[in-house]
């Protein structure tokens, strides 16, 4: 998987840069960084000797004087490419795709640098044991407490333990600062939840379900047995006919209570079509599917309705709160950016 992802990154890099005057060396820089960023595959052969002399620490930005290099961005490029590909308006052109992913990765780095810088400007600090506890939990949960397994993974990703620990500390700082400066200011009122419910009622519609029993018939006499059961259902009623089949006296026959279902989603198309033609309390004519014969008993039907507000309240509140927290965080980041000195020197 890592090899496939890294190959994708390298292909994009060479497509974007290698055709340009002097661009092959720059392509080698990016490919070499991509190779460092994801384990398990080699950079393209064309990157080989050129990458050795390439300035992988070339600056792409300064954030209040703090450097961001090509290597920093390329360590983040794979998830950024995946994120851009998931956008409804994802670029089809490979150059535009790479540009968008590079931009997203760089923006994320700049935002985190600003948050961390703001943290060190203040007086509040995380508890001394916080990073130790976090790294210990990761070590236990992901590596069974075996430090050598962690170190082996880090070596594969060309990252030292100290670098990994710094990355974990950065995540803790960003989460703590986000809670203090953004999440804590977000609140959702009961009126907002009710308004959202009214506006989105169509999302909470429950389609009408149908209670169904199926009788199946297999064996040499399956078609005849199904026809006889259908005739009995028409004469004596579906309930009585299915009750007799459930007694197990008809060779090759069995009855399954499906409960309430959405026929078009839960049943084979031929059976769903049969259900649609029936009135409640009636059984279908024999239906053949792959050599097995079926009778469908439509017992009763529900009416479609809408989930009550009480049933969706918690989910709606969580959604609205997440949206408000995300908006508050974006606003706070925007404020930090306005106050910051951010210089960019993009390579394209």
C-alpha atoms as a PDB file:
ATOM      1  CA  UNK A   1       0.000   0.000   0.000  1.00  0.00           C
ATOM      2  CA  UNK A   2       2.787   2.439   0.944  1.00  0.00           C
ATOM      3  CA  UNK A   3       4.602   1.594  -2.283  1.00  0.00           C
ATOM      4  CA  UNK A   4       1.503   2.269  -4.354  1.00  0.00           C
ATOM      5  CA  UNK A   5       0.877   5.609  -2.635  1.00  0.00           C
ATOM      6  CA  UNK A   6       4.472   6.725  -2.995  1.00  0.00           C
ATOM      7  CA  UNK A   7       4.519   5.678  -6.647  1.00  0.00           C
ATOM      8  CA  UNK A   8       1.425   7.843  -7.171  1.00  0.00           C
ATOM      9  CA  UNK A   9       3.150  10.815  -5.532  1.00  0.00           C
ATOM     10  CA  UNK A  10       6.325  10.349  -7.573  1.00  0.00           C
ATOM     11  CA  UNK A  11       4.357  10.049 -10.805  1.00  0.00           C
ATOM     12  CA  UNK A  12       2.556  13.300 -10.067  1.00  0.00           C
ATOM     13  CA  UNK A  13       5.813  15.054  -9.206  1.00  0.00           C
ATOM     14  CA  UNK A  14       7.559  14.039 -12.399  1.00  0.00           C
ATOM     15  CA  UNK A  15       4.531  14.850 -14.538  1.00  0.00           C
ATOM     16  CA  UNK A  16       4.327  18.344 -13.053  1.00  0.00           C
ATOM     17  CA  UNK A  17       7.990  19.305 -13.067  1.00  0.00           C
ATOM     18  CA  UNK A  18      10.207  17.186 -15.294  1.00  0.00           C
ATOM     19  CA  UNK A  19       8.927  18.596 -18.595  1.00  0.00           C
ATOM     20  CA  UNK A  20       9.883  22.144 -17.633  1.00  0.00           C
ATOM     21  CA  UNK A  21      13.235  23.799 -18.356  1.00  0.00           C
ATOM     22  CA  UNK A  22      15.420  22.939 -15.389  1.00  0.00           C
ATOM     23  CA  UNK A  23      12.505  21.150 -13.793  1.00  0.00           C
ATOM     24  CA  UNK A  24      13.997  17.669 -13.690  1.00  0.00           C
ATOM     25  CA  UNK A  25      16.210  18.505 -10.735  1.00  0.00           C
ATOM     26  CA  UNK A  26      13.258  20.029  -8.902  1.00  0.00           C
ATOM     27  CA  UNK A  27      11.238  16.927  -9.661  1.00  0.00           C
ATOM     28  CA  UNK A  28      14.042  14.894  -8.133  1.00  0.00           C
ATOM     29  CA  UNK A  29      13.854  17.007  -4.984  1.00  0.00           C
ATOM     30  CA  UNK A  30      10.170  16.320  -4.552  1.00  0.00           C
ATOM     31  CA  UNK A  31      10.509  12.641  -5.412  1.00  0.00           C
ATOM     32  CA  UNK A  32      13.310  12.228  -2.903  1.00  0.00           C
ATOM     33  CA  UNK A  33      11.199  13.941  -0.234  1.00  0.00           C
ATOM     34  CA  UNK A  34       8.232  11.776  -1.143  1.00  0.00           C
ATOM     35  CA  UNK A  35      10.463   8.745  -0.706  1.00  0.00           C
ATOM     36  CA  UNK A  36      11.399   9.954   2.759  1.00  0.00           C
ATOM     37  CA  UNK A  37       7.776  10.578   3.614  1.00  0.00           C
ATOM     38  CA  UNK A  38       6.417   7.102   2.935  1.00  0.00           C
ATOM     39  CA  UNK A  39       8.082   3.752   3.601  1.00  0.00           C
ATOM     40  CA  UNK A  40       8.432   0.806   1.301  1.00  0.00           C
ATOM     41  CA  UNK A  41       9.331   2.092  -2.175  1.00  0.00           C
ATOM     42  CA  UNK A  42      12.206   3.693  -4.045  1.00  0.00           C
ATOM     43  CA  UNK A  43      12.145   7.127  -5.603  1.00  0.00           C
ATOM     44  CA  UNK A  44      12.057   6.952  -9.418  1.00  0.00           C
ATOM     45  CA  UNK A  45      15.356   6.145 -11.031  1.00  0.00           C
ATOM     46  CA  UNK A  46      15.414   9.569 -12.670  1.00  0.00           C
ATOM     47  CA  UNK A  47      15.583  11.146  -9.227  1.00  0.00           C
ATOM     48  CA  UNK A  48      18.709   9.218  -8.225  1.00  0.00           C
ATOM     49  CA  UNK A  49      21.839  11.290  -8.695  1.00  0.00           C
ATOM     50  CA  UNK A  50      20.014  14.609  -9.034  1.00  0.00           C
ATOM     51  CA  UNK A  51      18.293  14.126  -5.693  1.00  0.00           C
ATOM     52  CA  UNK A  52      21.609  13.700  -3.913  1.00  0.00           C
ATOM     53  CA  UNK A  53      22.562  17.292  -4.667  1.00  0.00           C
ATOM     54  CA  UNK A  54      19.051  18.676  -4.501  1.00  0.00           C
ATOM     55  CA  UNK A  55      18.220  21.192  -1.755  1.00  0.00           C
ATOM     56  CA  UNK A  56      15.628  19.123   0.114  1.00  0.00           C
ATOM     57  CA  UNK A  57      15.809  21.724   2.876  1.00  0.00           C
ATOM     58  CA  UNK A  58      14.906  24.516   0.439  1.00  0.00           C
ATOM     59  CA  UNK A  59      12.504  26.970   2.008  1.00  0.00           C
ATOM     60  CA  UNK A  60       8.926  27.221   0.859  1.00  0.00           C
ATOM     61  CA  UNK A  61       7.748  29.471   3.694  1.00  0.00           C
ATOM     62  CA  UNK A  62       8.665  31.310   6.853  1.00  0.00           C
ATOM     63  CA  UNK A  63       6.128  31.632   9.649  1.00  0.00           C
ATOM     64  CA  UNK A  64       7.143  34.507  11.894  1.00  0.00           C
ATOM     65  CA  UNK A  65      10.697  33.660  10.918  1.00  0.00           C
ATOM     66  CA  UNK A  66      10.340  29.903  11.449  1.00  0.00           C
ATOM     67  CA  UNK A  67      11.326  27.934   8.361  1.00  0.00           C
ATOM     68  CA  UNK A  68       9.106  25.488   6.466  1.00  0.00           C
ATOM     69  CA  UNK A  69      11.017  23.378   3.935  1.00  0.00           C
ATOM     70  CA  UNK A  70      10.113  21.294   0.925  1.00  0.00           C
ATOM     71  CA  UNK A  71      10.823  18.218   3.029  1.00  0.00           C
ATOM     72  CA  UNK A  72       8.329  19.384   5.681  1.00  0.00           C
ATOM     73  CA  UNK A  73       5.597  19.710   3.080  1.00  0.00           C
ATOM     74  CA  UNK A  74       6.369  16.459   1.306  1.00  0.00           C
ATOM     75  CA  UNK A  75       6.028  14.554   4.581  1.00  0.00           C
ATOM     76  CA  UNK A  76       2.403  15.710   4.552  1.00  0.00           C
ATOM     77  CA  UNK A  77       1.743  15.354   0.823  1.00  0.00           C
ATOM     78  CA  UNK A  78       0.215  11.869   0.727  1.00  0.00           C
ATOM     79  CA  UNK A  79      -2.773  12.554   2.993  1.00  0.00           C
ATOM     80  CA  UNK A  80      -3.155  15.912   1.251  1.00  0.00           C
ATOM     81  CA  UNK A  81      -3.388  14.243  -2.161  1.00  0.00           C
ATOM     82  CA  UNK A  82      -5.984  11.811  -0.796  1.00  0.00           C
ATOM     83  CA  UNK A  83      -7.928  14.712   0.708  1.00  0.00           C
ATOM     84  CA  UNK A  84      -7.915  16.679  -2.554  1.00  0.00           C
ATOM     85  CA  UNK A  85      -9.007  13.619  -4.532  1.00  0.00           C
ATOM     86  CA  UNK A  86     -12.059  13.300  -2.272  1.00  0.00           C
ATOM     87  CA  UNK A  87     -13.260  16.807  -3.032  1.00  0.00           C
ATOM     88  CA  UNK A  88     -16.343  17.046  -5.266  1.00  0.00           C
ATOM     89  CA  UNK A  89     -14.410  19.510  -7.435  1.00  0.00           C
ATOM     90  CA  UNK A  90     -11.131  17.580  -7.370  1.00  0.00           C
ATOM     91  CA  UNK A  91      -8.865  18.650 -10.260  1.00  0.00           C
ATOM     92  CA  UNK A  92      -8.513  16.105 -13.030  1.00  0.00           C
ATOM     93  CA  UNK A  93      -5.327  17.636 -14.325  1.00  0.00           C
ATOM     94  CA  UNK A  94      -2.379  16.105 -12.473  1.00  0.00           C
ATOM     95  CA  UNK A  95      -0.503  19.372 -12.204  1.00  0.00           C
ATOM     96  CA  UNK A  96      -3.501  21.108 -10.658  1.00  0.00           C
ATOM     97  CA  UNK A  97      -4.031  18.154  -8.340  1.00  0.00           C
ATOM     98  CA  UNK A  98      -0.471  18.328  -7.095  1.00  0.00           C
ATOM     99  CA  UNK A  99      -0.618  22.095  -6.689  1.00  0.00           C
ATOM    100  CA  UNK A 100      -3.821  21.805  -4.635  1.00  0.00           C
ATOM    101  CA  UNK A 101      -2.349  19.052  -2.449  1.00  0.00           C
ATOM    102  CA  UNK A 102       0.874  20.988  -1.907  1.00  0.00           C
ATOM    103  CA  UNK A 103      -1.167  24.039  -0.967  1.00  0.00           C
ATOM    104  CA  UNK A 104      -3.305  22.053   1.492  1.00  0.00           C
ATOM    105  CA  UNK A 105      -0.271  20.438   3.111  1.00  0.00           C
ATOM    106  CA  UNK A 106       1.554  23.756   3.414  1.00  0.00           C
ATOM    107  CA  UNK A 107      -1.493  25.527   4.855  1.00  0.00           C
ATOM    108  CA  UNK A 108      -1.852  22.817   7.482  1.00  0.00           C
ATOM    109  CA  UNK A 109       1.776  23.165   8.499  1.00  0.00           C
ATOM    110  CA  UNK A 110       1.540  26.965   8.690  1.00  0.00           C
ATOM    111  CA  UNK A 111      -1.618  26.756  10.811  1.00  0.00           C
ATOM    112  CA  UNK A 112       0.004  24.331  13.247  1.00  0.00           C
ATOM    113  CA  UNK A 113       3.147  26.437  13.494  1.00  0.00           C
ATOM    114  CA  UNK A 114       1.053  29.488  14.349  1.00  0.00           C
ATOM    115  CA  UNK A 115      -0.831  27.590  17.056  1.00  0.00           C
ATOM    116  CA  UNK A 116       2.350  26.209  18.587  1.00  0.00           C
ATOM    117  CA  UNK A 117       3.993  29.633  18.510  1.00  0.00           C
ATOM    118  CA  UNK A 118       0.949  31.091  20.259  1.00  0.00           C
ATOM    119  CA  UNK A 119       1.248  28.375  22.887  1.00  0.00           C
ATOM    120  CA  UNK A 120       4.869  29.221  23.682  1.00  0.00           C
ATOM    121  CA  UNK A 121       4.004  32.922  23.889  1.00  0.00           C
ATOM    122  CA  UNK A 122       1.618  32.236  26.744  1.00  0.00           C
ATOM    123  CA  UNK A 123       2.230  31.057  30.271  1.00  0.00           C
ATOM    124  CA  UNK A 124      -0.072  28.032  30.401  1.00  0.00           C
ATOM    125  CA  UNK A 125       1.670  24.725  29.807  1.00  0.00           C
ATOM    126  CA  UNK A 126       0.551  21.152  29.399  1.00  0.00           C
ATOM    127  CA  UNK A 127       1.172  18.981  32.462  1.00  0.00           C
ATOM    128  CA  UNK A 128       4.704  17.560  32.345  1.00  0.00           C
ATOM    129  CA  UNK A 129       3.353  14.014  32.262  1.00  0.00           C
ATOM    130  CA  UNK A 130       0.945  14.621  29.340  1.00  0.00           C
ATOM    131  CA  UNK A 131       3.366  13.741  26.553  1.00  0.00           C
ATOM    132  CA  UNK A 132       4.717  10.784  28.521  1.00  0.00           C
ATOM    133  CA  UNK A 133       1.210   9.442  29.057  1.00  0.00           C
ATOM    134  CA  UNK A 134       0.281   9.924  25.397  1.00  0.00           C
ATOM    135  CA  UNK A 135       3.368   8.197  24.043  1.00  0.00           C
ATOM    136  CA  UNK A 136       2.941   5.380  26.570  1.00  0.00           C
ATOM    137  CA  UNK A 137      -0.683   4.866  25.477  1.00  0.00           C
ATOM    138  CA  UNK A 138       0.300   4.754  21.806  1.00  0.00           C
ATOM    139  CA  UNK A 139       3.114   2.340  22.586  1.00  0.00           C
ATOM    140  CA  UNK A 140       0.734   0.049  24.477  1.00  0.00           C
ATOM    141  CA  UNK A 141      -2.273   0.278  22.123  1.00  0.00           C
ATOM    142  CA  UNK A 142      -0.454   0.043  18.794  1.00  0.00           C
ATOM    143  CA  UNK A 143       2.708  -1.873  19.642  1.00  0.00           C
ATOM    144  CA  UNK A 144       1.742  -4.019  22.608  1.00  0.00           C
ATOM    145  CA  UNK A 145       4.229  -2.176  24.773  1.00  0.00           C
ATOM    146  CA  UNK A 146       7.162  -3.274  22.594  1.00  0.00           C
ATOM    147  CA  UNK A 147       9.401  -0.237  22.054  1.00  0.00           C
ATOM    148  CA  UNK A 148      11.437  -2.083  19.417  1.00  0.00           C
ATOM    149  CA  UNK A 149       8.366  -2.409  17.196  1.00  0.00           C
ATOM    150  CA  UNK A 150       7.796   1.335  17.421  1.00  0.00           C
ATOM    151  CA  UNK A 151      11.447   2.096  16.681  1.00  0.00           C
ATOM    152  CA  UNK A 152      11.310  -0.269  13.706  1.00  0.00           C
ATOM    153  CA  UNK A 153       8.314   1.598  12.277  1.00  0.00           C
ATOM    154  CA  UNK A 154      10.016   4.944  12.849  1.00  0.00           C
ATOM    155  CA  UNK A 155      13.158   3.720  11.111  1.00  0.00           C
ATOM    156  CA  UNK A 156      11.059   2.654   8.128  1.00  0.00           C
ATOM    157  CA  UNK A 157       9.623   6.152   7.977  1.00  0.00           C
ATOM    158  CA  UNK A 158      13.073   7.690   8.475  1.00  0.00           C
ATOM    159  CA  UNK A 159      12.041   9.390  11.689  1.00  0.00           C
ATOM    160  CA  UNK A 160      13.893   9.409  14.996  1.00  0.00           C
ATOM    161  CA  UNK A 161      12.170   8.742  18.277  1.00  0.00           C
ATOM    162  CA  UNK A 162      12.842  12.347  19.321  1.00  0.00           C
ATOM    163  CA  UNK A 163      11.195  13.645  16.118  1.00  0.00           C
ATOM    164  CA  UNK A 164       8.183  11.399  16.656  1.00  0.00           C
ATOM    165  CA  UNK A 165       7.873  12.533  20.259  1.00  0.00           C
ATOM    166  CA  UNK A 166       8.021  16.173  19.142  1.00  0.00           C
ATOM    167  CA  UNK A 167       5.246  15.440  16.650  1.00  0.00           C
ATOM    168  CA  UNK A 168       3.099  13.919  19.381  1.00  0.00           C
ATOM    169  CA  UNK A 169       3.747  16.967  21.561  1.00  0.00           C
ATOM    170  CA  UNK A 170       2.711  19.267  18.706  1.00  0.00           C
ATOM    171  CA  UNK A 171      -0.579  17.369  18.363  1.00  0.00           C
ATOM    172  CA  UNK A 172      -1.257  17.730  22.072  1.00  0.00           C
ATOM    173  CA  UNK A 173      -0.475  21.439  21.981  1.00  0.00           C
ATOM    174  CA  UNK A 174      -2.749  22.049  18.981  1.00  0.00           C
ATOM    175  CA  UNK A 175      -5.597  20.083  20.592  1.00  0.00           C
ATOM    176  CA  UNK A 176      -5.189  21.961  23.875  1.00  0.00           C
ATOM    177  CA  UNK A 177      -5.030  25.373  22.202  1.00  0.00           C
ATOM    178  CA  UNK A 178      -7.988  24.575  19.989  1.00  0.00           C
ATOM    179  CA  UNK A 179     -10.029  23.658  23.044  1.00  0.00           C
ATOM    180  CA  UNK A 180      -9.039  26.845  24.856  1.00  0.00           C
ATOM    181  CA  UNK A 181      -9.413  29.343  22.014  1.00  0.00           C
ATOM    182  CA  UNK A 182     -12.063  27.799  19.740  1.00  0.00           C
ATOM    183  CA  UNK A 183     -14.005  24.778  20.980  1.00  0.00           C
ATOM    184  CA  UNK A 184     -14.818  26.314  24.341  1.00  0.00           C
ATOM    185  CA  UNK A 185     -16.595  29.245  22.708  1.00  0.00           C
ATOM    186  CA  UNK A 186     -18.949  27.076  20.644  1.00  0.00           C
ATOM    187  CA  UNK A 187     -22.446  26.450  22.008  1.00  0.00           C
ATOM    188  CA  UNK A 188     -25.654  25.100  20.479  1.00  0.00           C
ATOM    189  CA  UNK A 189     -29.031  26.174  21.811  1.00  0.00           C
ATOM    190  CA  UNK A 190     -32.207  24.110  21.922  1.00  0.00           C
ATOM    191  CA  UNK A 191     -33.774  26.562  19.470  1.00  0.00           C
ATOM    192  CA  UNK A 192     -30.953  25.952  16.975  1.00  0.00           C
ATOM    193  CA  UNK A 193     -31.411  22.197  17.230  1.00  0.00           C
ATOM    194  CA  UNK A 194     -35.163  22.504  16.696  1.00  0.00           C
ATOM    195  CA  UNK A 195     -34.646  24.812  13.718  1.00  0.00           C
ATOM    196  CA  UNK A 196     -32.162  22.413  12.160  1.00  0.00           C
ATOM    197  CA  UNK A 197     -34.616  19.561  12.655  1.00  0.00           C
ATOM    198  CA  UNK A 198     -37.389  21.442  10.858  1.00  0.00           C
ATOM    199  CA  UNK A 199     -35.083  22.423   8.011  1.00  0.00           C
ATOM    200  CA  UNK A 200     -33.749  18.886   7.551  1.00  0.00           C
ATOM    201  CA  UNK A 201     -36.848  16.803   8.230  1.00  0.00           C
ATOM    202  CA  UNK A 202     -36.527  15.046   4.902  1.00  0.00           C
ATOM    203  CA  UNK A 203     -33.286  13.482   6.147  1.00  0.00           C
ATOM    204  CA  UNK A 204     -35.109  11.897   9.054  1.00  0.00           C
ATOM    205  CA  UNK A 205     -37.923  10.294   7.073  1.00  0.00           C
ATOM    206  CA  UNK A 206     -38.476   6.616   7.806  1.00  0.00           C
ATOM    207  CA  UNK A 207     -39.738   4.739   4.733  1.00  0.00           C
ATOM    208  CA  UNK A 208     -42.640   2.379   5.099  1.00  0.00           C
ATOM    209  CA  UNK A 209     -41.526  -1.176   5.896  1.00  0.00           C
ATOM    210  CA  UNK A 210     -43.336  -4.399   5.146  1.00  0.00           C
ATOM    211  CA  UNK A 211     -43.533  -7.512   7.316  1.00  0.00           C
ATOM    212  CA  UNK A 212     -42.724 -10.513   5.152  1.00  0.00           C
ATOM    213  CA  UNK A 213     -42.517 -14.282   5.433  1.00  0.00           C
ATOM    214  CA  UNK A 214     -40.883 -16.392   2.744  1.00  0.00           C
ATOM    215  CA  UNK A 215     -41.573 -20.026   1.941  1.00  0.00           C
ATOM    216  CA  UNK A 216     -38.912 -21.772  -0.151  1.00  0.00           C
ATOM    217  CA  UNK A 217     -39.213 -25.061  -1.997  1.00  0.00           C
ATOM    218  CA  UNK A 218     -36.329 -27.173  -3.273  1.00  0.00           C
ATOM    219  CA  UNK A 219     -35.974 -30.643  -4.728  1.00  0.00           C
ATOM    220  CA  UNK A 220     -37.478 -32.456  -7.700  1.00  0.00           C
ATOM    221  CA  UNK A 221     -41.057 -31.642  -6.709  1.00  0.00           C
ATOM    222  CA  UNK A 222     -40.367 -28.032  -5.720  1.00  0.00           C
ATOM    223  CA  UNK A 223     -42.465 -26.423  -8.452  1.00  0.00           C
ATOM    224  CA  UNK A 224     -45.435 -28.672  -7.749  1.00  0.00           C
ATOM    225  CA  UNK A 225     -45.192 -28.153  -3.979  1.00  0.00           C
ATOM    226  CA  UNK A 226     -45.018 -24.362  -4.438  1.00  0.00           C
ATOM    227  CA  UNK A 227     -48.051 -24.400  -6.718  1.00  0.00           C
ATOM    228  CA  UNK A 228     -50.042 -26.475  -4.213  1.00  0.00           C
ATOM    229  CA  UNK A 229     -49.098 -24.163  -1.357  1.00  0.00           C
ATOM    230  CA  UNK A 230     -50.107 -21.126  -3.420  1.00  0.00           C
ATOM    231  CA  UNK A 231     -53.471 -22.727  -4.168  1.00  0.00           C
ATOM    232  CA  UNK A 232     -54.010 -23.458  -0.467  1.00  0.00           C
ATOM    233  CA  UNK A 233     -53.120 -19.861   0.424  1.00  0.00           C
ATOM    234  CA  UNK A 234     -55.649 -18.572  -2.081  1.00  0.00           C
ATOM    235  CA  UNK A 235     -58.342 -20.889  -0.726  1.00  0.00           C
ATOM    236  CA  UNK A 236     -57.672 -21.038   3.008  1.00  0.00           C
ATOM    237  CA  UNK A 237     -55.705 -17.869   3.544  1.00  0.00           C
ATOM    238  CA  UNK A 238     -52.007 -17.133   3.552  1.00  0.00           C
ATOM    239  CA  UNK A 239     -51.702 -17.322   7.357  1.00  0.00           C
ATOM    240  CA  UNK A 240     -53.053 -20.872   7.484  1.00  0.00           C
ATOM    241  CA  UNK A 241     -51.024 -22.029   4.481  1.00  0.00           C
ATOM    242  CA  UNK A 242     -47.749 -20.701   5.888  1.00  0.00           C
ATOM    243  CA  UNK A 243     -48.511 -22.120   9.339  1.00  0.00           C
ATOM    244  CA  UNK A 244     -48.891 -25.560   7.799  1.00  0.00           C
ATOM    245  CA  UNK A 245     -45.647 -25.169   5.820  1.00  0.00           C
ATOM    246  CA  UNK A 246     -43.852 -24.146   8.994  1.00  0.00           C
ATOM    247  CA  UNK A 247     -44.815 -27.475  10.569  1.00  0.00           C
ATOM    248  CA  UNK A 248     -42.264 -29.132   8.277  1.00  0.00           C
ATOM    249  CA  UNK A 249     -44.565 -31.725   6.772  1.00  0.00           C
ATOM    250  CA  UNK A 250     -43.931 -30.668   3.177  1.00  0.00           C
ATOM    251  CA  UNK A 251     -40.682 -32.224   1.863  1.00  0.00           C
ATOM    252  CA  UNK A 252     -38.147 -29.637   0.711  1.00  0.00           C
ATOM    253  CA  UNK A 253     -40.144 -26.710   2.116  1.00  0.00           C
ATOM    254  CA  UNK A 254     -39.065 -24.206   4.744  1.00  0.00           C
ATOM    255  CA  UNK A 255     -40.437 -20.918   6.061  1.00  0.00           C
ATOM    256  CA  UNK A 256     -38.396 -17.871   7.056  1.00  0.00           C
ATOM    257  CA  UNK A 257     -39.838 -14.942   9.006  1.00  0.00           C
ATOM    258  CA  UNK A 258     -38.098 -11.876   7.563  1.00  0.00           C
ATOM    259  CA  UNK A 259     -39.740  -9.428   9.961  1.00  0.00           C
ATOM    260  CA  UNK A 260     -40.179  -5.837   8.814  1.00  0.00           C
ATOM    261  CA  UNK A 261     -38.046  -5.134   5.748  1.00  0.00           C
ATOM    262  CA  UNK A 262     -37.578  -2.627   2.965  1.00  0.00           C
ATOM    263  CA  UNK A 263     -38.308  -5.015   0.095  1.00  0.00           C
ATOM    264  CA  UNK A 264     -36.322  -3.178  -2.575  1.00  0.00           C
ATOM    265  CA  UNK A 265     -33.244  -3.133  -0.322  1.00  0.00           C
ATOM    266  CA  UNK A 266     -33.557  -6.390   1.569  1.00  0.00           C
ATOM    267  CA  UNK A 267     -35.063  -8.858  -0.902  1.00  0.00           C
ATOM    268  CA  UNK A 268     -34.096 -10.211  -4.297  1.00  0.00           C
ATOM    269  CA  UNK A 269     -35.625  -8.100  -7.095  1.00  0.00           C
ATOM    270  CA  UNK A 270     -38.102 -10.816  -8.104  1.00  0.00           C
ATOM    271  CA  UNK A 271     -39.331 -11.178  -4.512  1.00  0.00           C
ATOM    272  CA  UNK A 272     -39.514  -7.408  -4.002  1.00  0.00           C
ATOM    273  CA  UNK A 273     -41.608  -7.150  -7.169  1.00  0.00           C
ATOM    274  CA  UNK A 274     -43.930  -9.846  -5.832  1.00  0.00           C
ATOM    275  CA  UNK A 275     -44.335  -8.006  -2.508  1.00  0.00           C
ATOM    276  CA  UNK A 276     -45.255  -4.812  -4.370  1.00  0.00           C
ATOM    277  CA  UNK A 277     -48.198  -6.543  -6.078  1.00  0.00           C
ATOM    278  CA  UNK A 278     -49.699  -7.933  -2.856  1.00  0.00           C
ATOM    279  CA  UNK A 279     -52.190  -6.583  -0.378  1.00  0.00           C
ATOM    280  CA  UNK A 280     -51.528  -7.086   3.307  1.00  0.00           C
ATOM    281  CA  UNK A 281     -52.509 -10.577   4.431  1.00  0.00           C
ATOM    282  CA  UNK A 282     -52.033 -12.204   1.028  1.00  0.00           C
ATOM    283  CA  UNK A 283     -49.482 -14.513  -0.574  1.00  0.00           C
ATOM    284  CA  UNK A 284     -47.900 -14.420  -4.007  1.00  0.00           C
ATOM    285  CA  UNK A 285     -47.913 -16.876  -6.858  1.00  0.00           C
ATOM    286  CA  UNK A 286     -44.792 -19.099  -7.022  1.00  0.00           C
ATOM    287  CA  UNK A 287     -41.572 -17.226  -7.879  1.00  0.00           C
ATOM    288  CA  UNK A 288     -38.584 -19.119  -9.261  1.00  0.00           C
ATOM    289  CA  UNK A 289     -35.031 -17.928  -8.534  1.00  0.00           C
ATOM    290  CA  UNK A 290     -32.057 -20.058  -9.537  1.00  0.00           C
ATOM    291  CA  UNK A 291     -33.907 -23.363  -9.362  1.00  0.00           C
ATOM    292  CA  UNK A 292     -35.574 -22.639  -6.007  1.00  0.00           C
ATOM    293  CA  UNK A 293     -39.251 -21.751  -5.782  1.00  0.00           C
ATOM    294  CA  UNK A 294     -40.642 -19.168  -3.366  1.00  0.00           C
ATOM    295  CA  UNK A 295     -43.948 -17.932  -2.008  1.00  0.00           C
ATOM    296  CA  UNK A 296     -44.073 -14.468  -0.435  1.00  0.00           C
ATOM    297  CA  UNK A 297     -46.508 -13.709   2.392  1.00  0.00           C
ATOM    298  CA  UNK A 298     -47.059  -9.983   2.927  1.00  0.00           C
ATOM    299  CA  UNK A 299     -48.337  -9.877   6.496  1.00  0.00           C
ATOM    300  CA  UNK A 300     -48.666  -6.158   7.226  1.00  0.00           C
ATOM    301  CA  UNK A 301     -47.226  -2.776   6.320  1.00  0.00           C
ATOM    302  CA  UNK A 302     -46.074   0.249   8.239  1.00  0.00           C
ATOM    303  CA  UNK A 303     -46.760   3.792   7.124  1.00  0.00           C
ATOM    304  CA  UNK A 304     -43.865   6.094   6.395  1.00  0.00           C
ATOM    305  CA  UNK A 305     -43.147   8.737   9.016  1.00  0.00           C
ATOM    306  CA  UNK A 306     -40.440  11.031  10.326  1.00  0.00           C
ATOM    307  CA  UNK A 307     -38.206  10.272  13.286  1.00  0.00           C
ATOM    308  CA  UNK A 308     -39.242  12.453  16.240  1.00  0.00           C
ATOM    309  CA  UNK A 309     -36.917  15.229  17.356  1.00  0.00           C
ATOM    310  CA  UNK A 310     -36.175  13.375  20.582  1.00  0.00           C
ATOM    311  CA  UNK A 311     -34.743  10.478  18.587  1.00  0.00           C
ATOM    312  CA  UNK A 312     -32.302  12.614  16.585  1.00  0.00           C
ATOM    313  CA  UNK A 313     -31.597  15.309  19.194  1.00  0.00           C
ATOM    314  CA  UNK A 314     -28.195  14.025  20.341  1.00  0.00           C
ATOM    315  CA  UNK A 315     -26.929  13.416  16.827  1.00  0.00           C
ATOM    316  CA  UNK A 316     -28.088  16.821  15.621  1.00  0.00           C
ATOM    317  CA  UNK A 317     -26.526  18.570  18.585  1.00  0.00           C
ATOM    318  CA  UNK A 318     -23.212  16.810  17.961  1.00  0.00           C
ATOM    319  CA  UNK A 319     -23.246  17.777  14.287  1.00  0.00           C
ATOM    320  CA  UNK A 320     -24.086  21.414  14.965  1.00  0.00           C
ATOM    321  CA  UNK A 321     -21.530  21.657  17.743  1.00  0.00           C
ATOM    322  CA  UNK A 322     -18.822  20.163  15.506  1.00  0.00           C
ATOM    323  CA  UNK A 323     -19.692  22.681  12.772  1.00  0.00           C
ATOM    324  CA  UNK A 324     -19.526  25.593  15.211  1.00  0.00           C
ATOM    325  CA  UNK A 325     -16.243  24.402  16.677  1.00  0.00           C
ATOM    326  CA  UNK A 326     -14.736  24.028  13.216  1.00  0.00           C
ATOM    327  CA  UNK A 327     -15.917  27.522  12.278  1.00  0.00           C
ATOM    328  CA  UNK A 328     -14.555  28.974  15.523  1.00  0.00           C
ATOM    329  CA  UNK A 329     -11.199  27.294  14.902  1.00  0.00           C
ATOM    330  CA  UNK A 330     -11.058  28.624  11.328  1.00  0.00           C
ATOM    331  CA  UNK A 331     -11.852  32.118  12.583  1.00  0.00           C
ATOM    332  CA  UNK A 332      -9.150  31.890  15.234  1.00  0.00           C
ATOM    333  CA  UNK A 333      -6.597  30.636  12.716  1.00  0.00           C
ATOM    334  CA  UNK A 334      -7.598  33.500  10.428  1.00  0.00           C
ATOM    335  CA  UNK A 335      -6.915  35.942  13.259  1.00  0.00           C
ATOM    336  CA  UNK A 336      -3.499  34.368  13.906  1.00  0.00           C
ATOM    337  CA  UNK A 337      -2.667  34.624  10.216  1.00  0.00           C
ATOM    338  CA  UNK A 338      -3.574  38.314  10.125  1.00  0.00           C
ATOM    339  CA  UNK A 339      -1.207  39.002  13.000  1.00  0.00           C
ATOM    340  CA  UNK A 340       1.600  36.837  11.616  1.00  0.00           C
ATOM    341  CA  UNK A 341       4.361  37.463   9.108  1.00  0.00           C
ATOM    342  CA  UNK A 342       4.056  34.642   6.599  1.00  0.00           C
ATOM    343  CA  UNK A 343       6.447  34.624   3.638  1.00  0.00           C
ATOM    344  CA  UNK A 344       6.066  32.020   0.919  1.00  0.00           C
ATOM    345  CA  UNK A 345       8.448  31.026  -1.842  1.00  0.00           C
ATOM    346  CA  UNK A 346       6.580  28.329  -3.714  1.00  0.00           C
ATOM    347  CA  UNK A 347       8.597  26.227  -6.177  1.00  0.00           C
ATOM    348  CA  UNK A 348       5.966  26.481  -8.915  1.00  0.00           C
END
